[in-house]
Amino acid sequence: MALRNLRIYNGPDHGAAGLTVVSAPRANTVRIPLGEVLPLLADAVASSRTWLTDFADDEIEISSDLNDVLQAYRHFRRPSA
């Protein structure tokens, strides 16, 4: 049986130059390809599934290049005045 270690949280860890160190992923997370998630989310949005609101405030981690593409897409899809 695996032993569980308890740790006391004392606030964020600060690395060199006062930068916050990013912690390892939580134990209750999984990694799956975005290609598997997108069709399911698109269908749920198109079907107006109410369970989506349960996760609306959850944060996700994406790569910086995907974030750049999404921000550009958001900017250029705005309706023109």
Protein backbone atom coordinates (compact mmCIF):
# COMPACT_ATOMS: atom_id res chain seq x y z
CA MET A 1 0.00 0.00 0.00
CA ALA A 2 1.37 3.43 -0.91
CA LEU A 3 2.06 5.82 1.93
CA ARG A 4 0.47 9.24 1.75
CA ASN A 5 2.55 12.23 2.78
CA LEU A 6 0.86 15.23 4.33
CA ARG A 7 2.34 18.64 3.63
CA ILE A 8 1.56 22.02 5.13
CA TYR A 9 0.87 24.77 2.62
CA ASN A 10 2.68 28.00 3.51
CA GLY A 11 1.83 30.01 0.42
CA PRO A 12 3.47 30.06 -3.00
CA ASP A 13 7.07 29.00 -3.44
CA HIS A 14 9.31 31.79 -4.70
CA GLY A 15 12.21 30.95 -6.98
CA ALA A 16 14.96 33.24 -8.20
CA ALA A 17 14.03 36.91 -8.66
CA GLY A 18 10.78 36.42 -6.72
CA LEU A 19 9.10 34.37 -9.44
CA THR A 20 6.44 31.90 -8.42
CA VAL A 21 7.38 28.29 -9.10
CA VAL A 22 4.70 26.34 -10.95
CA SER A 23 3.77 23.20 -9.07
CA ALA A 24 3.35 19.74 -10.54
CA PRO A 25 -0.11 18.72 -11.83
CA ARG A 26 -2.57 17.64 -9.19
CA ALA A 27 -3.13 13.94 -8.64
CA ASN A 28 -6.74 14.13 -9.85
CA THR A 29 -5.88 15.40 -13.34
CA VAL A 30 -5.51 13.49 -16.59
CA ARG A 31 -3.79 14.30 -19.88
CA ILE A 32 -5.69 13.57 -23.08
CA PRO A 33 -5.30 14.88 -26.63
CA LEU A 34 -7.24 18.03 -27.43
CA GLY A 35 -8.60 16.25 -30.50
CA GLU A 36 -10.55 13.91 -28.24
CA VAL A 37 -12.02 16.69 -26.12
CA LEU A 38 -13.01 19.24 -28.78
CA PRO A 39 -15.70 17.19 -30.56
CA LEU A 40 -17.34 16.35 -27.25
CA LEU A 41 -17.29 19.94 -26.04
CA ALA A 42 -18.53 21.24 -29.39
CA ASP A 43 -21.45 18.81 -29.27
CA ALA A 44 -22.23 19.74 -25.66
CA VAL A 45 -22.21 23.47 -26.51
CA ALA A 46 -24.37 22.93 -29.62
CA SER A 47 -26.80 20.87 -27.53
CA SER A 48 -26.84 23.46 -24.71
CA ARG A 49 -25.95 20.88 -22.07
CA THR A 50 -26.49 22.32 -18.61
CA TRP A 51 -23.55 20.42 -17.09
CA LEU A 52 -21.20 22.79 -18.94
CA THR A 53 -22.05 25.48 -16.38
CA ASP A 54 -20.66 23.23 -13.63
CA PHE A 55 -17.22 23.60 -15.20
CA ALA A 56 -17.43 27.17 -16.49
CA ASP A 57 -15.06 28.50 -13.79
CA ASP A 58 -12.56 25.64 -14.02
CA GLU A 59 -9.14 26.57 -15.35
CA ILE A 60 -7.37 24.59 -18.03
CA GLU A 61 -3.74 24.61 -19.06
CA ILE A 62 -2.94 25.12 -22.73
CA SER A 63 0.28 25.76 -24.62
CA SER A 64 1.28 29.36 -25.26
CA ASP A 65 1.11 28.90 -29.04
CA LEU A 66 -2.48 27.61 -28.84
CA ASN A 67 -3.30 30.59 -26.64
CA ASP A 68 -1.83 32.95 -29.26
CA VAL A 69 -3.93 31.34 -31.99
CA LEU A 70 -7.09 31.53 -29.87
CA GLN A 71 -6.48 35.19 -29.01
CA ALA A 72 -5.95 36.04 -32.69
CA TYR A 73 -9.09 34.11 -33.61
CA ARG A 74 -11.07 35.97 -30.93
CA HIS A 75 -9.81 39.31 -32.27
CA PHE A 76 -10.57 38.62 -35.93
CA ARG A 77 -13.98 37.03 -35.46
CA ARG A 78 -15.45 40.14 -33.84
CA PRO A 79 -18.24 41.63 -35.92
CA SER A 80 -17.13 44.78 -37.67
CA ALA A 81 -18.77 48.06 -36.72
